[in-house]
Amino acid sequence: MGNKEIFIVKRDGKKVPFSIEKIRNAVAKAFLAVGSFATEEDFITLLSHLHISDGMTVEEIQNQVETALMREKYFAVAKAYMLYRQKHTETREIQSKMNFLMNYCNAQNAATGSKFDANANVEKKNIATLIGELPKKNFIDLNRKMITDRIKEMYGKELADKYIGMLNEHFIYKNDETSLANYCASITMYPWLLNGTLPIGGNSMPPTNLKSFCGGFINMVFIVSSMLSGACATPEFLMYLDYFIRKEYGDDYFGRSGDVVDLSRRQRTIDKMITDCFEQIVYSINQPTGARNFQAVFWNISYYDRLYFKSLFGEFLFPDGSRPVWESLSWLQKRFMKWFNKERTKTVLTFPVETMALLSREEDVIDTEY
């Protein structure tokens, strides 16, 4: 190893002078653990097998010590040394989580307290966000292990090692390593119309009226989103809402939106009944939920122009055999846009994220109404 001072790399990335005494102490403890004692001659023999160079990591040196013990046929001692390493690893992991707990509690907000996944969709610190943050390092390690194993299988170890190196050096970014769930999904709601939420683990029956549609839709989105790490898109949302509004108030409801249909003291109009549905769904979905570590659901919806809608849903049939009605849906889309824009002047409503689907020709949209 020579007389020149050698610096090795610790697990936290810091460079420190290499200390041979630390190896001697660890080996001595391993011998004592099996009821034996390491002589000076044993140390010299074991150390002769080590090849330490500047910039070597602690793990690489400890691996060499294990190999040296096995080479000298100290099998029981080698096992004790491995257990010694494992115990220290577990202690470091526990201490790391304890440090994270303290740092999180002392942080100004959830974003600065989050070590692995600072997310703007979490505003306040609480026990739910803390519980969600604790296992994220384990998920990162597991995700990287699965991907590197696959890269090794397909392209070899060299590329797998390069992938990890580029991640650690922040040359590349892997989306949502902190979760095992799929990222985003755009779902069809048709199975929900037929079977409710039962097939996906819920207990809600299929919606039968406007009120049960609103409540059931919220439940369905929360259930699906709990199985995703990203957004849940429901491009059929307004079309299905229009279907249940028409079942309630007739196909021409949009032409009679000022009619009073509520016999209670509030005497609400069709328009007020519809905007109350908007309010129930949007405000409920924007609430944080324990199933997502106190984040709100990431929710996307779509608006369509006439031609785009016809191309997707021209042959669509609801379970009762009826077809969507473009005229009422178009009115409902515009009503939701206006209502949502106005609500956003009152409070922060992140979701739904709105997407406009328009067919174009020669750099201009075909449906000039939209």
Protein backbone atom coordinates (compact mmCIF):
# COMPACT_ATOMS: atom_id res chain seq x y z
CA MET A 1 0.00 0.00 0.00
CA GLY A 2 3.07 2.25 0.33
CA ASN A 3 3.74 5.27 2.58
CA LYS A 4 1.71 7.85 0.65
CA GLU A 5 -1.50 8.80 2.44
CA ILE A 6 -4.47 7.17 0.74
CA PHE A 7 -7.95 8.66 0.72
CA ILE A 8 -11.00 6.44 0.48
CA VAL A 9 -14.64 7.30 -0.24
CA LYS A 10 -17.24 6.83 2.50
CA ARG A 11 -20.88 5.92 1.88
CA ASP A 12 -21.93 9.57 2.04
CA GLY A 13 -19.40 10.48 -0.67
CA LYS A 14 -16.87 12.12 1.65
CA LYS A 15 -13.17 11.39 1.18
CA VAL A 16 -11.26 10.48 4.35
CA PRO A 17 -7.75 9.13 5.04
CA PHE A 18 -7.58 5.34 4.97
CA SER A 19 -7.18 3.84 8.47
CA ILE A 20 -5.77 0.34 8.74
CA GLU A 21 -6.70 0.29 12.44
CA LYS A 22 -10.39 0.24 11.56
CA ILE A 23 -9.86 -2.96 9.59
CA ARG A 24 -7.88 -4.49 12.45
CA ASN A 25 -10.64 -3.65 14.95
CA ALA A 26 -13.40 -5.07 12.73
CA VAL A 27 -11.46 -8.28 12.06
CA ALA A 28 -10.63 -8.66 15.77
CA LYS A 29 -14.31 -8.37 16.67
CA ALA A 30 -15.19 -11.00 14.06
CA PHE A 31 -12.64 -13.44 15.56
CA LEU A 32 -13.94 -12.78 19.08
CA ALA A 33 -17.53 -13.34 17.89
CA VAL A 34 -16.68 -16.97 17.09
CA GLY A 35 -14.70 -17.52 20.32
CA SER A 36 -11.27 -17.07 18.75
CA PHE A 37 -8.46 -14.54 18.87
CA ALA A 38 -6.58 -12.95 15.98
CA THR A 39 -2.81 -12.95 16.39
CA GLU A 40 -0.48 -10.39 14.85
CA GLU A 41 0.54 -13.02 12.33
CA ASP A 42 -3.12 -13.48 11.35
CA PHE A 43 -3.45 -9.73 10.76
CA ILE A 44 -0.30 -9.56 8.65
CA THR A 45 -1.43 -12.51 6.52
CA LEU A 46 -4.90 -11.06 5.96
CA LEU A 47 -3.63 -7.56 5.23
CA SER A 48 -1.21 -8.93 2.64
CA HIS A 49 -4.23 -9.89 0.52
CA LEU A 50 -5.59 -6.34 0.48
CA HIS A 51 -4.87 -3.93 -2.35
CA ILE A 52 -5.96 -0.44 -1.36
CA SER A 53 -5.76 2.44 -3.81
CA ASP A 54 -6.65 6.11 -3.68
CA GLY A 55 -10.37 6.75 -4.30
CA MET A 56 -11.48 3.23 -3.38
CA THR A 57 -14.84 2.95 -1.61
CA VAL A 58 -15.41 1.54 1.87
CA GLU A 59 -17.55 -1.25 0.39
CA GLU A 60 -14.76 -2.32 -1.97
CA ILE A 61 -12.28 -2.57 0.90
CA GLN A 62 -14.71 -4.53 3.08
CA ASN A 63 -15.35 -6.91 0.20
CA GLN A 64 -11.60 -7.54 0.00
CA VAL A 65 -11.49 -8.32 3.74
CA GLU A 66 -14.25 -10.91 3.29
CA THR A 67 -12.36 -12.48 0.39
CA ALA A 68 -9.12 -12.55 2.42
CA LEU A 69 -10.80 -14.33 5.34
CA MET A 70 -12.29 -16.91 2.99
CA ARG A 71 -8.93 -17.41 1.24
CA GLU A 72 -7.27 -18.18 4.58
CA LYS A 73 -10.13 -20.59 5.36
CA TYR A 74 -11.47 -18.55 8.30
CA PHE A 75 -15.01 -19.37 7.18
CA ALA A 76 -16.73 -18.87 10.53
CA VAL A 77 -14.89 -15.57 11.03
CA ALA A 78 -15.86 -14.46 7.51
CA LYS A 79 -19.51 -15.18 8.31
CA ALA A 80 -19.24 -13.20 11.55
CA TYR A 81 -17.63 -10.32 9.63
CA MET A 82 -20.49 -10.36 7.10
CA LEU A 83 -23.03 -10.27 9.93
CA TYR A 84 -21.06 -7.40 11.49
CA ARG A 85 -21.32 -5.47 8.23
CA GLN A 86 -25.04 -6.22 7.94
CA LYS A 87 -25.72 -5.03 11.49
CA HIS A 88 -23.89 -1.77 10.86
CA THR A 89 -25.81 -1.31 7.61
CA GLU A 90 -29.11 -1.71 9.45
CA THR A 91 -27.96 0.70 12.15
CA ARG A 92 -27.02 3.30 9.54
CA GLU A 93 -30.39 2.92 7.81
CA ILE A 94 -32.28 3.39 11.07
CA GLN A 95 -30.15 6.41 11.96
CA SER A 96 -30.74 7.85 8.50
CA LYS A 97 -34.51 7.55 8.98
CA MET A 98 -34.23 9.11 12.44
CA ASN A 99 -32.29 12.03 10.96
CA PHE A 100 -34.93 12.40 8.26
CA LEU A 101 -37.68 12.48 10.90
CA MET A 102 -35.94 15.27 12.78
CA ASN A 103 -35.15 17.26 9.63
CA TYR A 104 -38.75 16.92 8.41
CA CYS A 105 -40.14 18.13 11.73
CA ASN A 106 -37.79 21.13 11.68
CA ALA A 107 -38.42 22.01 8.00
CA GLN A 108 -40.50 25.05 7.09
CA ASN A 109 -42.84 23.09 4.82
CA ALA A 110 -43.40 19.66 3.26
CA ALA A 111 -41.37 20.47 0.14
CA THR A 112 -38.18 21.49 1.97
CA GLY A 113 -38.64 18.59 4.36
CA SER A 114 -38.88 16.05 1.56
CA LYS A 115 -35.51 14.50 0.74
CA PHE A 116 -36.54 12.44 -2.27
CA ASP A 117 -39.80 13.76 -3.71
CA ALA A 118 -40.52 17.44 -3.08
CA ASN A 119 -43.96 17.84 -4.61
CA ALA A 120 -45.88 21.07 -5.10
CA ASN A 121 -49.12 19.14 -4.63
CA VAL A 122 -48.37 18.84 -0.90
CA GLU A 123 -48.75 22.13 0.97
CA LYS A 124 -48.58 21.31 4.67
CA LYS A 125 -46.48 19.08 6.89
CA ASN A 126 -48.41 16.39 8.74
CA ILE A 127 -48.03 12.78 9.81
CA ALA A 128 -49.58 11.49 6.56
CA THR A 129 -46.95 13.15 4.35
CA LEU A 130 -44.18 12.07 6.73
CA ILE A 131 -45.29 8.42 6.65
CA GLY A 132 -45.38 8.60 2.86
CA GLU A 133 -41.85 10.02 2.66
CA LEU A 134 -40.11 7.48 4.91
CA PRO A 135 -40.09 4.43 2.57
CA LYS A 136 -39.22 6.33 -0.62
CA LYS A 137 -35.49 5.57 -0.45
CA ASN A 138 -36.34 1.86 -0.33
CA PHE A 139 -38.58 2.22 -3.39
CA ILE A 140 -35.79 4.03 -5.25
CA ASP A 141 -33.34 1.21 -4.46
CA LEU A 142 -35.86 -1.45 -5.50
CA ASN A 143 -36.73 0.32 -8.75
CA ARG A 144 -33.07 0.74 -9.65
CA LYS A 145 -32.34 -2.91 -8.88
CA MET A 146 -35.16 -4.10 -11.15
CA ILE A 147 -34.08 -1.82 -14.00
CA THR A 148 -30.35 -2.59 -13.73
CA ASP A 149 -31.10 -6.32 -13.67
CA ARG A 150 -33.08 -5.88 -16.87
CA ILE A 151 -30.32 -3.78 -18.48
CA LYS A 152 -27.72 -6.41 -17.53
CA GLU A 153 -29.89 -9.11 -19.09
CA MET A 154 -30.35 -7.16 -22.32
CA TYR A 155 -27.11 -5.19 -22.75
CA GLY A 156 -24.58 -6.33 -20.13
CA LYS A 157 -23.19 -5.18 -16.78
CA GLU A 158 -21.13 -2.30 -18.17
CA LEU A 159 -24.18 -0.42 -19.42
CA ALA A 160 -26.11 -1.18 -16.19
CA ASP A 161 -23.26 0.30 -14.12
CA LYS A 162 -23.14 3.31 -16.44
CA TYR A 163 -26.89 3.83 -15.99
CA ILE A 164 -26.57 3.93 -12.19
CA GLY A 165 -23.55 6.22 -12.45
CA MET A 166 -25.41 8.68 -14.66
CA LEU A 167 -28.38 8.67 -12.27
CA ASN A 168 -26.14 9.35 -9.28
CA GLU A 169 -24.34 12.15 -11.14
CA HIS A 170 -27.70 13.61 -12.30
CA PHE A 171 -26.88 13.32 -16.00
CA ILE A 172 -30.24 11.56 -16.46
CA TYR A 173 -33.50 11.48 -14.52
CA LYS A 174 -35.77 8.49 -13.95
CA ASN A 175 -39.38 9.48 -13.42
CA ASP A 176 -41.16 8.37 -10.23
CA GLU A 177 -38.52 6.09 -8.74
CA THR A 178 -40.17 6.71 -5.38
CA SER A 179 -43.18 4.55 -6.26
CA LEU A 180 -43.82 1.04 -7.54
CA ALA A 181 -47.08 2.11 -9.18
CA ASN A 182 -47.54 2.90 -12.86
CA TYR A 183 -47.19 6.56 -13.76
CA CYS A 184 -50.23 8.03 -15.57
CA ALA A 185 -53.28 6.34 -17.06
CA SER A 186 -56.16 7.42 -19.25
CA ILE A 187 -59.11 5.23 -18.38
CA THR A 188 -62.47 4.38 -19.89
CA MET A 189 -65.29 4.64 -17.39
CA TYR A 190 -67.53 2.13 -19.18
CA PRO A 191 -66.76 -0.80 -16.82
CA TRP A 192 -67.79 1.47 -13.95
CA LEU A 193 -71.17 2.08 -15.63
CA LEU A 194 -71.67 -1.69 -15.80
CA ASN A 195 -70.19 -2.92 -12.50
CA GLY A 196 -69.49 0.04 -10.24
CA THR A 197 -66.20 0.00 -8.32
CA LEU A 198 -66.49 -3.65 -7.24
CA PRO A 199 -63.94 -5.01 -9.80
CA ILE A 200 -61.26 -2.56 -8.59
CA GLY A 201 -61.73 -3.21 -4.88
CA GLY A 202 -64.49 -0.73 -4.05
CA ASN A 203 -68.00 -1.38 -2.81
CA SER A 204 -70.03 1.09 -4.89
CA MET A 205 -72.70 -0.15 -7.28
CA PRO A 206 -73.09 1.30 -10.80
CA PRO A 207 -74.51 4.86 -10.87
CA THR A 208 -78.24 5.05 -11.59
CA ASN A 209 -78.91 8.80 -11.36
CA LEU A 210 -77.12 12.14 -11.36
CA LYS A 211 -76.49 12.14 -7.62
CA SER A 212 -75.01 8.63 -7.52
CA PHE A 213 -72.92 9.48 -10.60
CA CYS A 214 -71.26 12.39 -8.81
CA GLY A 215 -70.50 10.46 -5.62
CA GLY A 216 -69.52 7.28 -7.43
CA PHE A 217 -67.26 9.15 -9.86
CA ILE A 218 -65.32 10.69 -6.98
CA ASN A 219 -64.88 7.27 -5.36
CA MET A 220 -63.80 5.69 -8.63
CA VAL A 221 -61.18 8.36 -9.36
CA PHE A 222 -59.73 8.09 -5.86
CA ILE A 223 -59.51 4.29 -6.09
CA VAL A 224 -57.81 4.33 -9.49
CA SER A 225 -55.47 7.17 -8.50
CA SER A 226 -54.33 5.29 -5.39
CA MET A 227 -52.88 2.69 -7.80
CA LEU A 228 -51.02 5.32 -9.86
CA SER A 229 -48.08 7.56 -9.11
CA GLY A 230 -49.17 10.12 -11.70
CA ALA A 231 -52.37 11.41 -13.24
CA CYS A 232 -55.69 9.70 -13.82
CA ALA A 233 -57.33 10.98 -16.99
CA THR A 234 -61.08 10.55 -17.53
CA PRO A 235 -61.68 11.81 -21.09
CA GLU A 236 -65.31 10.60 -21.00
CA PHE A 237 -66.20 12.53 -17.83
CA LEU A 238 -68.35 15.28 -19.32
CA MET A 239 -69.98 12.92 -21.83
CA TYR A 240 -71.11 10.61 -18.99
CA LEU A 241 -72.18 13.56 -16.86
CA ASP A 242 -74.27 14.83 -19.77
CA TYR A 243 -75.85 11.38 -20.07
CA PHE A 244 -77.05 11.41 -16.45
CA ILE A 245 -78.20 15.03 -16.65
CA ARG A 246 -80.30 14.12 -19.69
CA LYS A 247 -81.73 11.10 -17.85
CA GLU A 248 -82.71 13.48 -15.04
CA TYR A 249 -83.97 16.54 -16.92
CA GLY A 250 -84.46 15.48 -20.55
CA ASP A 251 -82.41 15.77 -23.73
CA ASP A 252 -83.30 19.45 -24.09
CA TYR A 253 -82.15 20.46 -20.59
CA PHE A 254 -79.54 22.88 -21.95
CA GLY A 255 -82.31 24.92 -23.58
CA ARG A 256 -84.23 25.09 -20.28
CA SER A 257 -81.33 25.68 -17.91
CA GLY A 258 -83.25 28.45 -16.14
CA ASP A 259 -86.20 26.23 -15.23
CA VAL A 260 -86.72 25.61 -11.52
CA VAL A 261 -86.58 21.88 -10.83
CA ASP A 262 -85.93 21.86 -7.09
CA LEU A 263 -89.04 21.68 -4.91
CA SER A 264 -87.12 22.51 -1.75
CA ARG A 265 -87.05 26.01 -0.26
CA ARG A 266 -83.94 26.78 -2.31
CA GLN A 267 -85.87 26.49 -5.62
CA ARG A 268 -82.77 25.64 -7.67
CA THR A 269 -82.73 25.80 -11.45
CA ILE A 270 -81.33 23.14 -13.79
CA ASP A 271 -78.22 25.28 -14.20
CA LYS A 272 -77.75 25.50 -10.43
CA MET A 273 -78.21 21.74 -10.06
CA ILE A 274 -75.51 21.20 -12.69
CA THR A 275 -73.03 23.66 -11.18
CA ASP A 276 -73.63 22.05 -7.77
CA CYS A 277 -72.49 18.78 -9.37
CA PHE A 278 -69.39 20.54 -10.72
CA GLU A 279 -68.68 21.89 -7.24
CA GLN A 280 -69.12 18.54 -5.51
CA ILE A 281 -66.80 16.70 -7.90
CA VAL A 282 -64.07 19.32 -8.39
CA TYR A 283 -63.71 20.37 -4.77
CA SER A 284 -63.79 16.77 -3.54
CA ILE A 285 -61.08 15.64 -5.96
CA ASN A 286 -58.87 18.62 -5.07
CA GLN A 287 -58.83 17.52 -1.43
CA PRO A 288 -55.73 15.73 -0.08
CA THR A 289 -56.18 12.02 0.58
CA GLY A 290 -54.42 9.55 2.84
CA ALA A 291 -54.18 6.99 0.03
CA ARG A 292 -51.81 9.38 -1.79
CA ASN A 293 -49.73 10.53 1.20
CA PHE A 294 -51.95 13.58 1.67
CA GLN A 295 -51.69 14.68 -1.95
CA ALA A 296 -54.70 15.56 -4.05
CA VAL A 297 -55.54 13.31 -6.97
CA PHE A 298 -53.89 14.23 -10.28
CA TRP A 299 -56.95 14.44 -12.52
CA ASN A 300 -57.20 15.25 -16.25
CA ILE A 301 -60.27 15.76 -18.44
CA SER A 302 -60.82 16.45 -22.15
CA TYR A 303 -62.95 18.83 -24.19
CA TYR A 304 -63.75 18.01 -27.83
CA ASP A 305 -64.77 19.87 -30.93
CA ARG A 306 -67.64 18.39 -32.93
CA LEU A 307 -65.56 16.46 -35.49
CA TYR A 308 -63.10 15.10 -32.94
CA PHE A 309 -65.97 13.94 -30.76
CA LYS A 310 -67.77 12.26 -33.67
CA SER A 311 -64.59 10.44 -34.71
CA LEU A 312 -64.19 8.96 -31.22
CA PHE A 313 -67.75 8.46 -30.04
CA GLY A 314 -69.83 8.44 -33.22
CA GLU A 315 -70.70 4.75 -32.72
CA PHE A 316 -70.69 4.80 -28.91
CA LEU A 317 -73.64 3.27 -27.05
CA PHE A 318 -74.47 3.65 -23.38
CA PRO A 319 -75.59 0.51 -21.49
CA ASP A 320 -79.25 1.38 -22.18
CA GLY A 321 -78.56 1.51 -25.94
CA SER A 322 -78.77 5.30 -26.28
CA ARG A 323 -76.11 7.43 -27.98
CA PRO A 324 -74.31 10.58 -26.82
CA VAL A 325 -75.89 13.87 -27.88
CA TRP A 326 -73.38 16.38 -29.23
CA GLU A 327 -75.59 19.46 -28.78
CA SER A 328 -76.08 18.99 -25.05
CA LEU A 329 -72.48 17.88 -24.49
CA SER A 330 -71.14 20.95 -26.31
CA TRP A 331 -73.25 23.19 -24.07
CA LEU A 332 -72.07 21.31 -20.96
CA GLN A 333 -68.41 21.61 -21.97
CA LYS A 334 -68.72 25.37 -22.33
CA ARG A 335 -70.65 25.65 -19.07
CA PHE A 336 -67.97 23.73 -17.20
CA MET A 337 -65.19 25.88 -18.70
CA LYS A 338 -66.90 29.09 -17.60
CA TRP A 339 -67.75 27.75 -14.16
CA PHE A 340 -64.22 26.40 -13.59
CA ASN A 341 -62.56 29.64 -14.71
CA LYS A 342 -64.74 31.61 -12.28
CA GLU A 343 -64.07 29.21 -9.39
CA ARG A 344 -60.33 29.58 -9.93
CA THR A 345 -60.63 33.29 -9.16
CA LYS A 346 -61.91 32.32 -5.70
CA THR A 347 -59.42 29.64 -4.65
CA VAL A 348 -56.55 27.50 -5.90
CA LEU A 349 -57.98 24.55 -7.84
CA THR A 350 -55.17 22.57 -9.44
CA PHE A 351 -57.36 19.89 -10.98
CA PRO A 352 -58.73 18.92 -13.37
CA VAL A 353 -56.01 19.63 -15.91
CA GLU A 354 -57.95 20.56 -19.05
CA THR A 355 -57.10 19.28 -22.53
CA MET A 356 -58.76 20.56 -25.70
CA ALA A 357 -58.99 17.99 -28.52
CA LEU A 358 -59.32 19.80 -31.86
CA LEU A 359 -59.08 18.54 -35.43
CA SER A 360 -57.10 20.85 -37.72
CA ARG A 361 -56.51 21.32 -41.42
CA GLU A 362 -53.82 23.51 -42.99
CA GLU A 363 -52.70 24.95 -39.63
CA ASP A 364 -56.20 25.95 -38.54
CA VAL A 365 -58.94 24.21 -36.58
CA ILE A 366 -61.83 22.85 -38.62
CA ASP A 367 -64.59 23.47 -36.08
CA THR A 368 -64.54 27.28 -35.88
CA GLU A 369 -67.01 27.23 -32.98
CA TYR A 370 -64.17 26.02 -30.78
